[in-house]
C-alpha atoms as a PDB file:
ATOM      1  CA  UNK A   1      41.746   2.994 -10.842  1.00  0.00           C
ATOM      2  CA  UNK A   2      40.936   6.429 -12.371  1.00  0.00           C
ATOM      3  CA  UNK A   3      39.417   7.627 -15.437  1.00  0.00           C
ATOM      4  CA  UNK A   4      41.291   6.899 -18.400  1.00  0.00           C
ATOM      5  CA  UNK A   5      42.376  10.207 -20.314  1.00  0.00           C
ATOM      6  CA  UNK A   6      45.056   8.692 -22.804  1.00  0.00           C
ATOM      7  CA  UNK A   7      44.198   8.740 -26.345  1.00  0.00           C
ATOM      8  CA  UNK A   8      46.007   5.726 -27.150  1.00  0.00           C
ATOM      9  CA  UNK A   9      43.982   2.675 -28.868  1.00  0.00           C
ATOM     10  CA  UNK A  10      40.609   4.524 -27.811  1.00  0.00           C
ATOM     11  CA  UNK A  11      38.697   3.199 -31.020  1.00  0.00           C
ATOM     12  CA  UNK A  12      37.373  -0.067 -29.371  1.00  0.00           C
ATOM     13  CA  UNK A  13      36.208   1.634 -26.240  1.00  0.00           C
ATOM     14  CA  UNK A  14      34.564   4.502 -28.204  1.00  0.00           C
ATOM     15  CA  UNK A  15      32.669   2.018 -30.159  1.00  0.00           C
ATOM     16  CA  UNK A  16      31.563  -0.036 -26.969  1.00  0.00           C
ATOM     17  CA  UNK A  17      30.205   3.165 -25.643  1.00  0.00           C
ATOM     18  CA  UNK A  18      28.284   3.975 -28.541  1.00  0.00           C
ATOM     19  CA  UNK A  19      26.823   0.105 -28.395  1.00  0.00           C
ATOM     20  CA  UNK A  20      25.834   0.551 -24.732  1.00  0.00           C
ATOM     21  CA  UNK A  21      24.249   3.989 -25.230  1.00  0.00           C
ATOM     22  CA  UNK A  22      22.234   2.722 -28.287  1.00  0.00           C
ATOM     23  CA  UNK A  23      21.262  -0.452 -26.682  1.00  0.00           C
ATOM     24  CA  UNK A  24      19.295   1.593 -24.258  1.00  0.00           C
ATOM     25  CA  UNK A  25      15.496   1.617 -25.048  1.00  0.00           C
ATOM     26  CA  UNK A  26      15.071   5.310 -24.336  1.00  0.00           C
ATOM     27  CA  UNK A  27      18.045   6.092 -26.819  1.00  0.00           C
ATOM     28  CA  UNK A  28      16.417   4.046 -29.707  1.00  0.00           C
ATOM     29  CA  UNK A  29      12.884   5.683 -28.996  1.00  0.00           C
ATOM     30  CA  UNK A  30      14.567   9.239 -29.370  1.00  0.00           C
ATOM     31  CA  UNK A  31      16.209   7.941 -32.510  1.00  0.00           C
ATOM     32  CA  UNK A  32      19.788   8.977 -31.304  1.00  0.00           C
ATOM     33  CA  UNK A  33      22.424   8.703 -33.659  1.00  0.00           C
ATOM     34  CA  UNK A  34      26.362   9.551 -32.743  1.00  0.00           C
ATOM     35  CA  UNK A  35      27.884  12.051 -35.027  1.00  0.00           C
ATOM     36  CA  UNK A  36      31.249  12.171 -33.277  1.00  0.00           C
ATOM     37  CA  UNK A  37      32.794  10.270 -30.420  1.00  0.00           C
ATOM     38  CA  UNK A  38      36.382  11.142 -28.955  1.00  0.00           C
ATOM     39  CA  UNK A  39      37.836  10.955 -25.607  1.00  0.00           C
ATOM     40  CA  UNK A  40      35.971  13.270 -23.506  1.00  0.00           C
ATOM     41  CA  UNK A  41      33.692  14.695 -26.355  1.00  0.00           C
ATOM     42  CA  UNK A  42      30.466  13.190 -27.889  1.00  0.00           C
ATOM     43  CA  UNK A  43      28.212  14.794 -30.242  1.00  0.00           C
ATOM     44  CA  UNK A  44      24.631  13.087 -30.732  1.00  0.00           C
ATOM     45  CA  UNK A  45      21.714  14.029 -33.096  1.00  0.00           C
ATOM     46  CA  UNK A  46      18.080  13.205 -32.675  1.00  0.00           C
ATOM     47  CA  UNK A  47      15.236  13.774 -35.071  1.00  0.00           C
ATOM     48  CA  UNK A  48      12.538  16.267 -34.300  1.00  0.00           C
ATOM     49  CA  UNK A  49       9.354  13.845 -34.004  1.00  0.00           C
ATOM     50  CA  UNK A  50       6.012  15.251 -33.771  1.00  0.00           C
ATOM     51  CA  UNK A  51       5.428  12.679 -30.822  1.00  0.00           C
ATOM     52  CA  UNK A  52       8.079  14.428 -28.826  1.00  0.00           C
ATOM     53  CA  UNK A  53       6.574  18.057 -29.615  1.00  0.00           C
ATOM     54  CA  UNK A  54       4.264  20.176 -27.492  1.00  0.00           C
ATOM     55  CA  UNK A  55       3.299  22.362 -30.361  1.00  0.00           C
ATOM     56  CA  UNK A  56       4.015  21.418 -34.114  1.00  0.00           C
ATOM     57  CA  UNK A  57       7.733  21.215 -34.821  1.00  0.00           C
ATOM     58  CA  UNK A  58       8.976  22.444 -31.387  1.00  0.00           C
ATOM     59  CA  UNK A  59      10.375  19.910 -29.200  1.00  0.00           C
ATOM     60  CA  UNK A  60       8.986  19.556 -25.361  1.00  0.00           C
ATOM     61  CA  UNK A  61      11.583  20.354 -22.879  1.00  0.00           C
ATOM     62  CA  UNK A  62      11.960  16.605 -21.846  1.00  0.00           C
ATOM     63  CA  UNK A  63      13.183  15.657 -25.117  1.00  0.00           C
ATOM     64  CA  UNK A  64      15.901  18.262 -24.998  1.00  0.00           C
ATOM     65  CA  UNK A  65      16.765  17.357 -21.449  1.00  0.00           C
ATOM     66  CA  UNK A  66      17.211  13.755 -22.451  1.00  0.00           C
ATOM     67  CA  UNK A  67      19.456  14.646 -25.473  1.00  0.00           C
ATOM     68  CA  UNK A  68      21.747  16.633 -23.419  1.00  0.00           C
ATOM     69  CA  UNK A  69      21.920  14.147 -20.839  1.00  0.00           C
ATOM     70  CA  UNK A  70      22.777  11.425 -23.212  1.00  0.00           C
ATOM     71  CA  UNK A  71      25.560  13.583 -24.745  1.00  0.00           C
ATOM     72  CA  UNK A  72      27.412  14.729 -21.744  1.00  0.00           C
ATOM     73  CA  UNK A  73      27.195  11.636 -19.964  1.00  0.00           C
ATOM     74  CA  UNK A  74      28.243   9.769 -22.809  1.00  0.00           C
ATOM     75  CA  UNK A  75      31.445  12.225 -22.931  1.00  0.00           C
ATOM     76  CA  UNK A  76      32.035  11.461 -19.403  1.00  0.00           C
ATOM     77  CA  UNK A  77      31.756   7.668 -20.162  1.00  0.00           C
ATOM     78  CA  UNK A  78      34.397   7.926 -23.033  1.00  0.00           C
ATOM     79  CA  UNK A  79      37.141   8.625 -20.412  1.00  0.00           C
ATOM     80  CA  UNK A  80      36.663   5.668 -18.423  1.00  0.00           C
ATOM     81  CA  UNK A  81      38.835   2.683 -18.098  1.00  0.00           C
ATOM     82  CA  UNK A  82      37.602  -0.655 -19.980  1.00  0.00           C
ATOM     83  CA  UNK A  83      34.568  -2.405 -18.124  1.00  0.00           C
ATOM     84  CA  UNK A  84      33.503   0.739 -16.416  1.00  0.00           C
ATOM     85  CA  UNK A  85      30.162   2.402 -16.755  1.00  0.00           C
ATOM     86  CA  UNK A  86      28.370   5.578 -15.405  1.00  0.00           C
ATOM     87  CA  UNK A  87      24.908   7.009 -14.735  1.00  0.00           C
ATOM     88  CA  UNK A  88      23.496  10.200 -14.209  1.00  0.00           C
ATOM     89  CA  UNK A  89      23.312  11.515 -10.693  1.00  0.00           C
ATOM     90  CA  UNK A  90      21.890  14.895 -11.397  1.00  0.00           C
ATOM     91  CA  UNK A  91      21.324  17.197 -14.154  1.00  0.00           C
ATOM     92  CA  UNK A  92      19.858  20.404 -15.079  1.00  0.00           C
ATOM     93  CA  UNK A  93      18.953  22.122 -18.329  1.00  0.00           C
ATOM     94  CA  UNK A  94      18.522  25.883 -19.095  1.00  0.00           C
ATOM     95  CA  UNK A  95      16.431  26.466 -22.352  1.00  0.00           C
ATOM     96  CA  UNK A  96      16.648  29.707 -24.010  1.00  0.00           C
ATOM     97  CA  UNK A  97      15.545  29.026 -27.516  1.00  0.00           C
ATOM     98  CA  UNK A  98      13.033  27.086 -29.405  1.00  0.00           C
ATOM     99  CA  UNK A  99      14.014  23.316 -30.206  1.00  0.00           C
ATOM    100  CA  UNK A 100      12.728  23.401 -33.591  1.00  0.00           C
ATOM    101  CA  UNK A 101      14.142  22.600 -37.248  1.00  0.00           C
ATOM    102  CA  UNK A 102      15.130  19.402 -38.816  1.00  0.00           C
ATOM    103  CA  UNK A 103      16.913  17.704 -35.895  1.00  0.00           C
ATOM    104  CA  UNK A 104      18.546  18.473 -32.514  1.00  0.00           C
ATOM    105  CA  UNK A 105      22.148  18.452 -31.998  1.00  0.00           C
ATOM    106  CA  UNK A 106      24.120  17.916 -28.450  1.00  0.00           C
ATOM    107  CA  UNK A 107      27.647  18.466 -28.079  1.00  0.00           C
ATOM    108  CA  UNK A 108      28.777  16.902 -24.881  1.00  0.00           C
ATOM    109  CA  UNK A 109      31.861  17.653 -22.985  1.00  0.00           C
ATOM    110  CA  UNK A 110      33.741  16.784 -19.417  1.00  0.00           C
ATOM    111  CA  UNK A 111      34.402  19.605 -17.369  1.00  0.00           C
ATOM    112  CA  UNK A 112      35.986  17.530 -14.638  1.00  0.00           C
ATOM    113  CA  UNK A 113      36.616  13.749 -14.603  1.00  0.00           C
ATOM    114  CA  UNK A 114      37.025  12.256 -11.088  1.00  0.00           C
ATOM    115  CA  UNK A 115      37.319   8.859 -10.010  1.00  0.00           C
ATOM    116  CA  UNK A 116      33.749   8.596  -8.310  1.00  0.00           C
ATOM    117  CA  UNK A 117      32.044  11.573  -9.911  1.00  0.00           C
ATOM    118  CA  UNK A 118      32.384  13.314 -13.329  1.00  0.00           C
ATOM    119  CA  UNK A 119      31.072  16.747 -14.148  1.00  0.00           C
ATOM    120  CA  UNK A 120      29.782  17.134 -17.692  1.00  0.00           C
ATOM    121  CA  UNK A 121      28.035  19.449 -19.925  1.00  0.00           C
ATOM    122  CA  UNK A 122      26.289  19.617 -23.324  1.00  0.00           C
ATOM    123  CA  UNK A 123      25.208  22.356 -25.616  1.00  0.00           C
ATOM    124  CA  UNK A 124      22.039  21.603 -27.285  1.00  0.00           C
ATOM    125  CA  UNK A 125      21.561  23.246 -30.842  1.00  0.00           C
ATOM    126  CA  UNK A 126      18.504  23.184 -33.219  1.00  0.00           C
ATOM    127  CA  UNK A 127      19.500  22.388 -36.676  1.00  0.00           C
ATOM    128  CA  UNK A 128      17.370  23.616 -39.761  1.00  0.00           C
ATOM    129  CA  UNK A 129      17.165  22.053 -43.213  1.00  0.00           C
ATOM    130  CA  UNK A 130      20.122  23.910 -44.318  1.00  0.00           C
ATOM    131  CA  UNK A 131      22.470  22.987 -41.620  1.00  0.00           C
ATOM    132  CA  UNK A 132      22.228  26.271 -39.731  1.00  0.00           C
ATOM    133  CA  UNK A 133      22.590  25.763 -35.884  1.00  0.00           C
ATOM    134  CA  UNK A 134      20.781  27.707 -33.106  1.00  0.00           C
ATOM    135  CA  UNK A 135      22.091  27.180 -29.606  1.00  0.00           C
ATOM    136  CA  UNK A 136      18.826  26.503 -27.733  1.00  0.00           C
ATOM    137  CA  UNK A 137      19.674  24.885 -24.336  1.00  0.00           C
ATOM    138  CA  UNK A 138      22.697  23.990 -22.066  1.00  0.00           C
ATOM    139  CA  UNK A 139      22.827  21.033 -19.904  1.00  0.00           C
ATOM    140  CA  UNK A 140      25.009  20.565 -16.880  1.00  0.00           C
ATOM    141  CA  UNK A 141      25.312  17.509 -14.779  1.00  0.00           C
ATOM    142  CA  UNK A 142      27.016  14.564 -12.690  1.00  0.00           C
ATOM    143  CA  UNK A 143      27.866  11.144 -13.687  1.00  0.00           C
ATOM    144  CA  UNK A 144      28.587   8.588 -11.026  1.00  0.00           C
ATOM    145  CA  UNK A 145      31.523   6.480 -12.176  1.00  0.00           C
ATOM    146  CA  UNK A 146      30.574   2.563 -11.848  1.00  0.00           C
ATOM    147  CA  UNK A 147      33.373  -0.086 -11.324  1.00  0.00           C
ATOM    148  CA  UNK A 148      32.965  -3.351 -13.070  1.00  0.00           C
ATOM    149  CA  UNK A 149      31.214  -5.703 -10.804  1.00  0.00           C
ATOM    150  CA  UNK A 150      33.033  -8.985  -9.762  1.00  0.00           C
ATOM    151  CA  UNK A 151      31.077 -12.100 -11.386  1.00  0.00           C
ATOM    152  CA  UNK A 152      30.012 -14.234  -8.196  1.00  0.00           C
END
């Protein structure tokens, strides 16, 4: 079976994807929130919490990486057939502006959806109190697509 790229009746699958991501303890710890979900594209936000900052109001790189990872891999997961899951194999983040403001927003997308591996990416933006965005990082990685396991 190959990843499903059709747009027909995707709402239940996208809701299941959101539920699966938000069930992860790390997603809850980061305070992740889905802003947009569509086949091949996910936008997530997280608040900028002092507990994740290395200096007042500026997120440490690990939190930036995590948000990019969640958004990109969730975007790849949005194209999988029912019952399938995925997991990060590798990823890299390039930081080029401070991650500070009211929240961080990541727009995940699929670069190439394959049967076994999917290449995915996310742009991570710092959002200030007025809603203005500043691109602060780009995440690029690979997700392993996992078929459902038979129940023994």
